Amino acid sequence: TGTKAIRRTYQAARAYRGPYKENAPDL
């Protein structure tokens, strides 16, 4: 299609807060 497929890739360490964020996917 020639279009971008991904709007944004988030880093869990920055997106989440709290004691369990280390269990999240890294991206």
mmCIF file of all heavy atoms, coordinates in Angstrom:
data_MODEL
# 
_entry.id   MODEL 
# 
loop_
_atom_site.group_PDB 
_atom_site.id 
_atom_site.type_symbol 
_atom_site.label_atom_id 
_atom_site.label_alt_id 
_atom_site.label_comp_id 
_atom_site.label_asym_id 
_atom_site.label_entity_id 
_atom_site.label_seq_id 
_atom_site.pdbx_PDB_ins_code 
_atom_site.Cartn_x 
_atom_site.Cartn_y 
_atom_site.Cartn_z 
_atom_site.occupancy 
_atom_site.B_iso_or_equiv 
_atom_site.pdbx_formal_charge 
_atom_site.auth_seq_id 
_atom_site.auth_comp_id 
_atom_site.auth_asym_id 
_atom_site.auth_atom_id 
_atom_site.pdbx_PDB_model_num 
ATOM 1   N N   . THR A 1 1  ? 0.807  -1.220 0.000  1.00 0.00 ? 1  THR A N   1 
ATOM 2   C CA  . THR A 1 1  ? 0.000  0.000  0.000  1.00 0.00 ? 1  THR A CA  1 
ATOM 3   C C   . THR A 1 1  ? 0.841  1.272  0.000  1.00 0.00 ? 1  THR A C   1 
ATOM 4   O O   . THR A 1 1  ? 0.330  2.355  -0.304 1.00 0.00 ? 1  THR A O   1 
ATOM 5   C CB  . THR A 1 1  ? -0.911 0.025  1.238  1.00 0.00 ? 1  THR A CB  1 
ATOM 6   O OG1 . THR A 1 1  ? -0.089 0.076  2.425  1.00 0.00 ? 1  THR A OG1 1 
ATOM 7   C CG2 . THR A 1 1  ? -1.792 -1.216 1.294  1.00 0.00 ? 1  THR A CG2 1 
ATOM 8   N N   . GLY A 1 2  ? 2.110  1.157  0.394  1.00 0.00 ? 2  GLY A N   1 
ATOM 9   C CA  . GLY A 1 2  ? 2.961  2.335  0.481  1.00 0.00 ? 2  GLY A CA  1 
ATOM 10  C C   . GLY A 1 2  ? 2.692  3.203  1.693  1.00 0.00 ? 2  GLY A C   1 
ATOM 11  O O   . GLY A 1 2  ? 3.162  4.343  1.762  1.00 0.00 ? 2  GLY A O   1 
ATOM 12  N N   . THR A 1 3  ? 1.918  2.697  2.659  1.00 0.00 ? 3  THR A N   1 
ATOM 13  C CA  . THR A 1 3  ? 1.571  3.472  3.850  1.00 0.00 ? 3  THR A CA  1 
ATOM 14  C C   . THR A 1 3  ? 2.310  2.942  5.067  1.00 0.00 ? 3  THR A C   1 
ATOM 15  O O   . THR A 1 3  ? 2.715  1.777  5.125  1.00 0.00 ? 3  THR A O   1 
ATOM 16  C CB  . THR A 1 3  ? 0.062  3.409  4.122  1.00 0.00 ? 3  THR A CB  1 
ATOM 17  O OG1 . THR A 1 3  ? -0.326 2.039  4.313  1.00 0.00 ? 3  THR A OG1 1 
ATOM 18  C CG2 . THR A 1 3  ? -0.719 3.978  2.956  1.00 0.00 ? 3  THR A CG2 1 
ATOM 19  N N   . LYS A 1 4  ? 2.458  3.821  6.076  1.00 0.00 ? 4  LYS A N   1 
ATOM 20  C CA  . LYS A 1 4  ? 3.058  3.408  7.332  1.00 0.00 ? 4  LYS A CA  1 
ATOM 21  C C   . LYS A 1 4  ? 2.128  2.430  8.041  1.00 0.00 ? 4  LYS A C   1 
ATOM 22  O O   . LYS A 1 4  ? 0.904  2.625  8.063  1.00 0.00 ? 4  LYS A O   1 
ATOM 23  C CB  . LYS A 1 4  ? 3.317  4.609  8.232  1.00 0.00 ? 4  LYS A CB  1 
ATOM 24  C CG  . LYS A 1 4  ? 4.521  5.445  7.840  1.00 0.00 ? 4  LYS A CG  1 
ATOM 25  C CD  . LYS A 1 4  ? 4.794  6.520  8.885  1.00 0.00 ? 4  LYS A CD  1 
ATOM 26  C CE  . LYS A 1 4  ? 5.110  5.916  10.233 1.00 0.00 ? 4  LYS A CE  1 
ATOM 27  N NZ  . LYS A 1 4  ? 5.454  6.930  11.255 1.00 0.00 ? 4  LYS A NZ  1 
ATOM 28  N N   . ALA A 1 5  ? 2.704  1.398  8.634  1.00 0.00 ? 5  ALA A N   1 
ATOM 29  C CA  . ALA A 1 5  ? 1.898  0.368  9.288  1.00 0.00 ? 5  ALA A CA  1 
ATOM 30  C C   . ALA A 1 5  ? 1.839  0.547  10.795 1.00 0.00 ? 5  ALA A C   1 
ATOM 31  O O   . ALA A 1 5  ? 0.961  -0.018 11.451 1.00 0.00 ? 5  ALA A O   1 
ATOM 32  C CB  . ALA A 1 5  ? 2.467  -1.018 8.964  1.00 0.00 ? 5  ALA A CB  1 
ATOM 33  N N   . ILE A 1 6  ? 2.757  1.319  11.346 1.00 0.00 ? 6  ILE A N   1 
ATOM 34  C CA  . ILE A 1 6  ? 2.841  1.476  12.806 1.00 0.00 ? 6  ILE A CA  1 
ATOM 35  C C   . ILE A 1 6  ? 2.807  2.961  13.136 1.00 0.00 ? 6  ILE A C   1 
ATOM 36  O O   . ILE A 1 6  ? 3.614  3.747  12.627 1.00 0.00 ? 6  ILE A O   1 
ATOM 37  C CB  . ILE A 1 6  ? 4.119  0.806  13.354 1.00 0.00 ? 6  ILE A CB  1 
ATOM 38  C CG1 . ILE A 1 6  ? 4.027  -0.712 13.162 1.00 0.00 ? 6  ILE A CG1 1 
ATOM 39  C CG2 . ILE A 1 6  ? 4.347  1.159  14.818 1.00 0.00 ? 6  ILE A CG2 1 
ATOM 40  C CD1 . ILE A 1 6  ? 5.311  -1.457 13.435 1.00 0.00 ? 6  ILE A CD1 1 
ATOM 41  N N   . ARG A 1 7  ? 1.863  3.346  13.986 1.00 0.00 ? 7  ARG A N   1 
ATOM 42  C CA  . ARG A 1 7  ? 1.734  4.756  14.362 1.00 0.00 ? 7  ARG A CA  1 
ATOM 43  C C   . ARG A 1 7  ? 2.801  5.158  15.371 1.00 0.00 ? 7  ARG A C   1 
ATOM 44  O O   . ARG A 1 7  ? 3.397  6.225  15.265 1.00 0.00 ? 7  ARG A O   1 
ATOM 45  C CB  . ARG A 1 7  ? 0.342  5.013  14.946 1.00 0.00 ? 7  ARG A CB  1 
ATOM 46  C CG  . ARG A 1 7  ? 0.099  6.454  15.367 1.00 0.00 ? 7  ARG A CG  1 
ATOM 47  C CD  . ARG A 1 7  ? -1.364 6.765  15.581 1.00 0.00 ? 7  ARG A CD  1 
ATOM 48  N NE  . ARG A 1 7  ? -2.119 6.691  14.327 1.00 0.00 ? 7  ARG A NE  1 
ATOM 49  C CZ  . ARG A 1 7  ? -3.361 7.135  14.172 1.00 0.00 ? 7  ARG A CZ  1 
ATOM 50  N NH1 . ARG A 1 7  ? -3.988 7.702  15.193 1.00 0.00 ? 7  ARG A NH1 1 
ATOM 51  N NH2 . ARG A 1 7  ? -3.976 7.016  13.008 1.00 0.00 ? 7  ARG A NH2 1 
ATOM 52  N N   . ARG A 1 8  ? 3.030  4.292  16.360 1.00 0.00 ? 8  ARG A N   1 
ATOM 53  C CA  . ARG A 1 8  ? 4.018  4.618  17.379 1.00 0.00 ? 8  ARG A CA  1 
ATOM 54  C C   . ARG A 1 8  ? 4.404  3.359  18.133 1.00 0.00 ? 8  ARG A C   1 
ATOM 55  O O   . ARG A 1 8  ? 3.564  2.491  18.372 1.00 0.00 ? 8  ARG A O   1 
ATOM 56  C CB  . ARG A 1 8  ? 3.458  5.654  18.361 1.00 0.00 ? 8  ARG A CB  1 
ATOM 57  C CG  . ARG A 1 8  ? 4.453  6.091  19.437 1.00 0.00 ? 8  ARG A CG  1 
ATOM 58  C CD  . ARG A 1 8  ? 3.835  7.124  20.368 1.00 0.00 ? 8  ARG A CD  1 
ATOM 59  N NE  . ARG A 1 8  ? 4.735  7.435  21.469 1.00 0.00 ? 8  ARG A NE  1 
ATOM 60  C CZ  . ARG A 1 8  ? 4.399  8.208  22.503 1.00 0.00 ? 8  ARG A CZ  1 
ATOM 61  N NH1 . ARG A 1 8  ? 3.191  8.757  22.554 1.00 0.00 ? 8  ARG A NH1 1 
ATOM 62  N NH2 . ARG A 1 8  ? 5.258  8.436  23.476 1.00 0.00 ? 8  ARG A NH2 1 
ATOM 63  N N   . THR A 1 9  ? 5.667  3.252  18.489 1.00 0.00 ? 9  THR A N   1 
ATOM 64  C CA  . THR A 1 9  ? 6.149  2.163  19.336 1.00 0.00 ? 9  THR A CA  1 
ATOM 65  C C   . THR A 1 9  ? 6.518  2.749  20.696 1.00 0.00 ? 9  THR A C   1 
ATOM 66  O O   . THR A 1 9  ? 7.328  3.674  20.782 1.00 0.00 ? 9  THR A O   1 
ATOM 67  C CB  . THR A 1 9  ? 7.366  1.467  18.707 1.00 0.00 ? 9  THR A CB  1 
ATOM 68  O OG1 . THR A 1 9  ? 7.013  0.994  17.401 1.00 0.00 ? 9  THR A OG1 1 
ATOM 69  C CG2 . THR A 1 9  ? 7.804  0.283  19.561 1.00 0.00 ? 9  THR A CG2 1 
ATOM 70  N N   . TYR A 1 10 ? 5.919  2.212  21.745 1.00 0.00 ? 10 TYR A N   1 
ATOM 71  C CA  . TYR A 1 10 ? 6.068  2.752  23.091 1.00 0.00 ? 10 TYR A CA  1 
ATOM 72  C C   . TYR A 1 10 ? 7.073  1.922  23.893 1.00 0.00 ? 10 TYR A C   1 
ATOM 73  O O   . TYR A 1 10 ? 7.093  0.692  23.800 1.00 0.00 ? 10 TYR A O   1 
ATOM 74  C CB  . TYR A 1 10 ? 4.732  2.733  23.836 1.00 0.00 ? 10 TYR A CB  1 
ATOM 75  C CG  . TYR A 1 10 ? 3.631  3.511  23.176 1.00 0.00 ? 10 TYR A CG  1 
ATOM 76  C CD1 . TYR A 1 10 ? 2.884  2.955  22.126 1.00 0.00 ? 10 TYR A CD1 1 
ATOM 77  C CD2 . TYR A 1 10 ? 3.294  4.796  23.604 1.00 0.00 ? 10 TYR A CD2 1 
ATOM 78  C CE1 . TYR A 1 10 ? 1.854  3.656  21.523 1.00 0.00 ? 10 TYR A CE1 1 
ATOM 79  C CE2 . TYR A 1 10 ? 2.261  5.507  23.007 1.00 0.00 ? 10 TYR A CE2 1 
ATOM 80  C CZ  . TYR A 1 10 ? 1.544  4.932  21.965 1.00 0.00 ? 10 TYR A CZ  1 
ATOM 81  O OH  . TYR A 1 10 ? 0.522  5.629  21.381 1.00 0.00 ? 10 TYR A OH  1 
ATOM 82  N N   . GLN A 1 11 ? 7.865  2.581  24.713 1.00 0.00 ? 11 GLN A N   1 
ATOM 83  C CA  . GLN A 1 11 ? 8.739  1.894  25.660 1.00 0.00 ? 11 GLN A CA  1 
ATOM 84  C C   . GLN A 1 11 ? 7.995  1.770  26.991 1.00 0.00 ? 11 GLN A C   1 
ATOM 85  O O   . GLN A 1 11 ? 7.577  2.776  27.580 1.00 0.00 ? 11 GLN A O   1 
ATOM 86  C CB  . GLN A 1 11 ? 10.047 2.648  25.845 1.00 0.00 ? 11 GLN A CB  1 
ATOM 87  C CG  . GLN A 1 11 ? 10.911 2.674  24.593 1.00 0.00 ? 11 GLN A CG  1 
ATOM 88  C CD  . GLN A 1 11 ? 12.329 3.153  24.885 1.00 0.00 ? 11 GLN A CD  1 
ATOM 89  O OE1 . GLN A 1 11 ? 12.909 2.830  25.913 1.00 0.00 ? 11 GLN A OE1 1 
ATOM 90  N NE2 . GLN A 1 11 ? 12.890 3.905  23.941 1.00 0.00 ? 11 GLN A NE2 1 
ATOM 91  N N   . ALA A 1 12 ? 7.827  0.535  27.452 1.00 0.00 ? 12 ALA A N   1 
ATOM 92  C CA  . ALA A 1 12 ? 7.034  0.289  28.650 1.00 0.00 ? 12 ALA A CA  1 
ATOM 93  C C   . ALA A 1 12 ? 7.579  1.036  29.860 1.00 0.00 ? 12 ALA A C   1 
ATOM 94  O O   . ALA A 1 12 ? 6.811  1.521  30.701 1.00 0.00 ? 12 ALA A O   1 
ATOM 95  C CB  . ALA A 1 12 ? 6.982  -1.209 28.930 1.00 0.00 ? 12 ALA A CB  1 
ATOM 96  N N   . ALA A 1 13 ? 8.900  1.147  29.969 1.00 0.00 ? 13 ALA A N   1 
ATOM 97  C CA  . ALA A 1 13 ? 9.495  1.807  31.131 1.00 0.00 ? 13 ALA A CA  1 
ATOM 98  C C   . ALA A 1 13 ? 9.067  3.266  31.241 1.00 0.00 ? 13 ALA A C   1 
ATOM 99  O O   . ALA A 1 13 ? 9.056  3.839  32.335 1.00 0.00 ? 13 ALA A O   1 
ATOM 100 C CB  . ALA A 1 13 ? 11.018 1.708  31.057 1.00 0.00 ? 13 ALA A CB  1 
ATOM 101 N N   . ARG A 1 14 ? 8.719  3.865  30.098 1.00 0.00 ? 14 ARG A N   1 
ATOM 102 C CA  . ARG A 1 14 ? 8.265  5.257  30.094 1.00 0.00 ? 14 ARG A CA  1 
ATOM 103 C C   . ARG A 1 14 ? 6.742  5.366  30.116 1.00 0.00 ? 14 ARG A C   1 
ATOM 104 O O   . ARG A 1 14 ? 6.195  6.342  30.636 1.00 0.00 ? 14 ARG A O   1 
ATOM 105 C CB  . ARG A 1 14 ? 8.801  5.977  28.857 1.00 0.00 ? 14 ARG A CB  1 
ATOM 106 C CG  . ARG A 1 14 ? 10.327 6.012  28.770 1.00 0.00 ? 14 ARG A CG  1 
ATOM 107 C CD  . ARG A 1 14 ? 10.768 6.640  27.453 1.00 0.00 ? 14 ARG A CD  1 
ATOM 108 N NE  . ARG A 1 14 ? 12.235 6.624  27.312 1.00 0.00 ? 14 ARG A NE  1 
ATOM 109 C CZ  . ARG A 1 14 ? 12.871 7.020  26.227 1.00 0.00 ? 14 ARG A CZ  1 
ATOM 110 N NH1 . ARG A 1 14 ? 12.173 7.477  25.180 1.00 0.00 ? 14 ARG A NH1 1 
ATOM 111 N NH2 . ARG A 1 14 ? 14.192 6.961  26.174 1.00 0.00 ? 14 ARG A NH2 1 
ATOM 112 N N   . ALA A 1 15 ? 6.060  4.377  29.546 1.00 0.00 ? 15 ALA A N   1 
ATOM 113 C CA  . ALA A 1 15 ? 4.603  4.447  29.421 1.00 0.00 ? 15 ALA A CA  1 
ATOM 114 C C   . ALA A 1 15 ? 3.880  4.076  30.709 1.00 0.00 ? 15 ALA A C   1 
ATOM 115 O O   . ALA A 1 15 ? 2.766  4.548  30.954 1.00 0.00 ? 15 ALA A O   1 
ATOM 116 C CB  . ALA A 1 15 ? 4.130  3.532  28.286 1.00 0.00 ? 15 ALA A CB  1 
ATOM 117 N N   . TYR A 1 16 ? 4.494  3.222  31.530 1.00 0.00 ? 16 TYR A N   1 
ATOM 118 C CA  . TYR A 1 16 ? 3.834  2.711  32.726 1.00 0.00 ? 16 TYR A CA  1 
ATOM 119 C C   . TYR A 1 16 ? 4.522  3.206  33.985 1.00 0.00 ? 16 TYR A C   1 
ATOM 120 O O   . TYR A 1 16 ? 5.713  3.512  34.001 1.00 0.00 ? 16 TYR A O   1 
ATOM 121 C CB  . TYR A 1 16 ? 3.830  1.177  32.730 1.00 0.00 ? 16 TYR A CB  1 
ATOM 122 C CG  . TYR A 1 16 ? 3.149  0.554  31.542 1.00 0.00 ? 16 TYR A CG  1 
ATOM 123 C CD1 . TYR A 1 16 ? 3.729  -0.533 30.879 1.00 0.00 ? 16 TYR A CD1 1 
ATOM 124 C CD2 . TYR A 1 16 ? 1.929  1.020  31.073 1.00 0.00 ? 16 TYR A CD2 1 
ATOM 125 C CE1 . TYR A 1 16 ? 3.107  -1.130 29.791 1.00 0.00 ? 16 TYR A CE1 1 
ATOM 126 C CE2 . TYR A 1 16 ? 1.301  0.442  29.980 1.00 0.00 ? 16 TYR A CE2 1 
ATOM 127 C CZ  . TYR A 1 16 ? 1.898  -0.632 29.341 1.00 0.00 ? 16 TYR A CZ  1 
ATOM 128 O OH  . TYR A 1 16 ? 1.281  -1.215 28.267 1.00 0.00 ? 16 TYR A OH  1 
ATOM 129 N N   . ARG A 1 17 ? 3.752  3.212  35.073 1.00 0.00 ? 17 ARG A N   1 
ATOM 130 C CA  . ARG A 1 17 ? 4.258  3.536  36.398 1.00 0.00 ? 17 ARG A CA  1 
ATOM 131 C C   . ARG A 1 17 ? 3.760  2.469  37.359 1.00 0.00 ? 17 ARG A C   1 
ATOM 132 O O   . ARG A 1 17 ? 2.603  2.053  37.285 1.00 0.00 ? 17 ARG A O   1 
ATOM 133 C CB  . ARG A 1 17 ? 3.753  4.914  36.864 1.00 0.00 ? 17 ARG A CB  1 
ATOM 134 C CG  . ARG A 1 17 ? 4.053  6.039  35.900 1.00 0.00 ? 17 ARG A CG  1 
ATOM 135 C CD  . ARG A 1 17 ? 3.454  7.357  36.376 1.00 0.00 ? 17 ARG A CD  1 
ATOM 136 N NE  . ARG A 1 17 ? 2.005  7.274  36.620 1.00 0.00 ? 17 ARG A NE  1 
ATOM 137 C CZ  . ARG A 1 17 ? 1.088  7.321  35.675 1.00 0.00 ? 17 ARG A CZ  1 
ATOM 138 N NH1 . ARG A 1 17 ? 1.453  7.417  34.397 1.00 0.00 ? 17 ARG A NH1 1 
ATOM 139 N NH2 . ARG A 1 17 ? -0.192 7.263  35.976 1.00 0.00 ? 17 ARG A NH2 1 
ATOM 140 N N   . GLY A 1 18 ? 4.622  2.057  38.283 1.00 0.00 ? 18 GLY A N   1 
ATOM 141 C CA  . GLY A 1 18 ? 4.167  1.103  39.276 1.00 0.00 ? 18 GLY A CA  1 
ATOM 142 C C   . GLY A 1 18 ? 5.104  -0.068 39.466 1.00 0.00 ? 18 GLY A C   1 
ATOM 143 O O   . GLY A 1 18 ? 6.060  -0.257 38.690 1.00 0.00 ? 18 GLY A O   1 
ATOM 144 N N   . PRO A 1 19 ? 4.840  -0.896 40.461 1.00 0.00 ? 19 PRO A N   1 
ATOM 145 C CA  . PRO A 1 19 ? 5.759  -1.967 40.846 1.00 0.00 ? 19 PRO A CA  1 
ATOM 146 C C   . PRO A 1 19 ? 5.828  -3.135 39.878 1.00 0.00 ? 19 PRO A C   1 
ATOM 147 O O   . PRO A 1 19 ? 6.734  -3.960 39.989 1.00 0.00 ? 19 PRO A O   1 
ATOM 148 C CB  . PRO A 1 19 ? 5.215  -2.424 42.203 1.00 0.00 ? 19 PRO A CB  1 
ATOM 149 C CG  . PRO A 1 19 ? 3.760  -2.066 42.174 1.00 0.00 ? 19 PRO A CG  1 
ATOM 150 C CD  . PRO A 1 19 ? 3.676  -0.801 41.391 1.00 0.00 ? 19 PRO A CD  1 
ATOM 151 N N   . TYR A 1 20 ? 4.883  -3.209 38.930 1.00 0.00 ? 20 TYR A N   1 
ATOM 152 C CA  . TYR A 1 20 ? 4.851  -4.374 38.035 1.00 0.00 ? 20 TYR A CA  1 
ATOM 153 C C   . TYR A 1 20 ? 5.237  -4.046 36.599 1.00 0.00 ? 20 TYR A C   1 
ATOM 154 O O   . TYR A 1 20 ? 5.115  -4.886 35.714 1.00 0.00 ? 20 TYR A O   1 
ATOM 155 C CB  . TYR A 1 20 ? 3.452  -5.012 38.065 1.00 0.00 ? 20 TYR A CB  1 
ATOM 156 C CG  . TYR A 1 20 ? 3.006  -5.371 39.462 1.00 0.00 ? 20 TYR A CG  1 
ATOM 157 C CD1 . TYR A 1 20 ? 2.045  -4.608 40.119 1.00 0.00 ? 20 TYR A CD1 1 
ATOM 158 C CD2 . TYR A 1 20 ? 3.581  -6.445 40.132 1.00 0.00 ? 20 TYR A CD2 1 
ATOM 159 C CE1 . TYR A 1 20 ? 1.650  -4.927 41.412 1.00 0.00 ? 20 TYR A CE1 1 
ATOM 160 C CE2 . TYR A 1 20 ? 3.193  -6.768 41.433 1.00 0.00 ? 20 TYR A CE2 1 
ATOM 161 C CZ  . TYR A 1 20 ? 2.229  -5.994 42.068 1.00 0.00 ? 20 TYR A CZ  1 
ATOM 162 O OH  . TYR A 1 20 ? 1.860  -6.303 43.350 1.00 0.00 ? 20 TYR A OH  1 
ATOM 163 N N   . LYS A 1 21 ? 5.718  -2.833 36.369 1.00 0.00 ? 21 LYS A N   1 
ATOM 164 C CA  . LYS A 1 21 ? 6.010  -2.460 34.982 1.00 0.00 ? 21 LYS A CA  1 
ATOM 165 C C   . LYS A 1 21 ? 7.149  -3.290 34.398 1.00 0.00 ? 21 LYS A C   1 
ATOM 166 O O   . LYS A 1 21 ? 7.261  -3.415 33.176 1.00 0.00 ? 21 LYS A O   1 
ATOM 167 C CB  . LYS A 1 21 ? 6.313  -0.967 34.871 1.00 0.00 ? 21 LYS A CB  1 
ATOM 168 C CG  . LYS A 1 21 ? 7.610  -0.505 35.514 1.00 0.00 ? 21 LYS A CG  1 
ATOM 169 C CD  . LYS A 1 21 ? 7.791  0.994  35.286 1.00 0.00 ? 21 LYS A CD  1 
ATOM 170 C CE  . LYS A 1 21 ? 9.126  1.480  35.846 1.00 0.00 ? 21 LYS A CE  1 
ATOM 171 N NZ  . LYS A 1 21 ? 9.306  2.936  35.596 1.00 0.00 ? 21 LYS A NZ  1 
ATOM 172 N N   . GLU A 1 22 ? 7.986  -3.894 35.247 1.00 0.00 ? 22 GLU A N   1 
ATOM 173 C CA  . GLU A 1 22 ? 9.059  -4.748 34.748 1.00 0.00 ? 22 GLU A CA  1 
ATOM 174 C C   . GLU A 1 22 ? 8.517  -6.028 34.114 1.00 0.00 ? 22 GLU A C   1 
ATOM 175 O O   . GLU A 1 22 ? 9.227  -6.707 33.378 1.00 0.00 ? 22 GLU A O   1 
ATOM 176 C CB  . GLU A 1 22 ? 10.016 -5.103 35.888 1.00 0.00 ? 22 GLU A CB  1 
ATOM 177 C CG  . GLU A 1 22 ? 10.716 -3.913 36.526 1.00 0.00 ? 22 GLU A CG  1 
ATOM 178 C CD  . GLU A 1 22 ? 11.540 -3.119 35.520 1.00 0.00 ? 22 GLU A CD  1 
ATOM 179 O OE1 . GLU A 1 22 ? 12.159 -3.756 34.645 1.00 0.00 ? 22 GLU A OE1 1 
ATOM 180 O OE2 . GLU A 1 22 ? 11.556 -1.875 35.616 1.00 0.00 ? 22 GLU A OE2 1 
ATOM 181 N N   . ASN A 1 23 ? 7.255  -6.381 34.404 1.00 0.00 ? 23 ASN A N   1 
ATOM 182 C CA  . ASN A 1 23 ? 6.643  -7.573 33.810 1.00 0.00 ? 23 ASN A CA  1 
ATOM 183 C C   . ASN A 1 23 ? 6.065  -7.296 32.422 1.00 0.00 ? 23 ASN A C   1 
ATOM 184 O O   . ASN A 1 23 ? 5.640  -8.231 31.736 1.00 0.00 ? 23 ASN A O   1 
ATOM 185 C CB  . ASN A 1 23 ? 5.528  -8.107 34.714 1.00 0.00 ? 23 ASN A CB  1 
ATOM 186 C CG  . ASN A 1 23 ? 6.045  -8.557 36.069 1.00 0.00 ? 23 ASN A CG  1 
ATOM 187 O OD1 . ASN A 1 23 ? 7.212  -8.932 36.201 1.00 0.00 ? 23 ASN A OD1 1 
ATOM 188 N ND2 . ASN A 1 23 ? 5.196  -8.524 37.078 1.00 0.00 ? 23 ASN A ND2 1 
ATOM 189 N N   . ALA A 1 24 ? 6.045  -6.044 32.026 1.00 0.00 ? 24 ALA A N   1 
ATOM 190 C CA  . ALA A 1 24 ? 5.458  -5.666 30.736 1.00 0.00 ? 24 ALA A CA  1 
ATOM 191 C C   . ALA A 1 24 ? 6.406  -6.025 29.598 1.00 0.00 ? 24 ALA A C   1 
ATOM 192 O O   . ALA A 1 24 ? 7.611  -6.191 29.795 1.00 0.00 ? 24 ALA A O   1 
ATOM 193 C CB  . ALA A 1 24 ? 5.175  -4.172 30.709 1.00 0.00 ? 24 ALA A CB  1 
ATOM 194 N N   . PRO A 1 25 ? 5.884  -6.151 28.376 1.00 0.00 ? 25 PRO A N   1 
ATOM 195 C CA  . PRO A 1 25 ? 6.787  -6.209 27.220 1.00 0.00 ? 25 PRO A CA  1 
ATOM 196 C C   . PRO A 1 25 ? 7.665  -4.962 27.224 1.00 0.00 ? 25 PRO A C   1 
ATOM 197 O O   . PRO A 1 25 ? 7.243  -3.889 27.668 1.00 0.00 ? 25 PRO A O   1 
ATOM 198 C CB  . PRO A 1 25 ? 5.837  -6.216 26.020 1.00 0.00 ? 25 PRO A CB  1 
ATOM 199 C CG  . PRO A 1 25 ? 4.516  -6.640 26.568 1.00 0.00 ? 25 PRO A CG  1 
ATOM 200 C CD  . PRO A 1 25 ? 4.466  -6.165 27.982 1.00 0.00 ? 25 PRO A CD  1 
ATOM 201 N N   . ASP A 1 26 ? 8.867  -5.078 26.728 1.00 0.00 ? 26 ASP A N   1 
ATOM 202 C CA  . ASP A 1 26 ? 9.755  -3.917 26.705 1.00 0.00 ? 26 ASP A CA  1 
ATOM 203 C C   . ASP A 1 26 ? 9.266  -2.857 25.730 1.00 0.00 ? 26 ASP A C   1 
ATOM 204 O O   . ASP A 1 26 ? 9.456  -1.658 25.955 1.00 0.00 ? 26 ASP A O   1 
ATOM 205 C CB  . ASP A 1 26 ? 11.170 -4.367 26.346 1.00 0.00 ? 26 ASP A CB  1 
ATOM 206 C CG  . ASP A 1 26 ? 11.764 -5.258 27.422 1.00 0.00 ? 26 ASP A CG  1 
ATOM 207 O OD1 . ASP A 1 26 ? 12.221 -4.728 28.443 1.00 0.00 ? 26 ASP A OD1 1 
ATOM 208 O OD2 . ASP A 1 26 ? 11.734 -6.493 27.247 1.00 0.00 ? 26 ASP A OD2 1 
ATOM 209 N N   . LEU A 1 27 ? 8.639  -3.304 24.647 1.00 0.00 ? 27 LEU A N   1 
ATOM 210 C CA  . LEU A 1 27 ? 8.083  -2.395 23.648 1.00 0.00 ? 27 LEU A CA  1 
ATOM 211 C C   . LEU A 1 27 ? 6.644  -2.779 23.366 1.00 0.00 ? 27 LEU A C   1 
ATOM 212 O O   . LEU A 1 27 ? 6.314  -3.970 23.274 1.00 0.00 ? 27 LEU A O   1 
ATOM 213 C CB  . LEU A 1 27 ? 8.894  -2.450 22.351 1.00 0.00 ? 27 LEU A CB  1 
ATOM 214 C CG  . LEU A 1 27 ? 10.368 -2.037 22.438 1.00 0.00 ? 27 LEU A CG  1 
ATOM 215 C CD1 . LEU A 1 27 ? 11.097 -2.381 21.142 1.00 0.00 ? 27 LEU A CD1 1 
ATOM 216 C CD2 . LEU A 1 27 ? 10.497 -0.541 22.746 1.00 0.00 ? 27 LEU A CD2 1 
# 
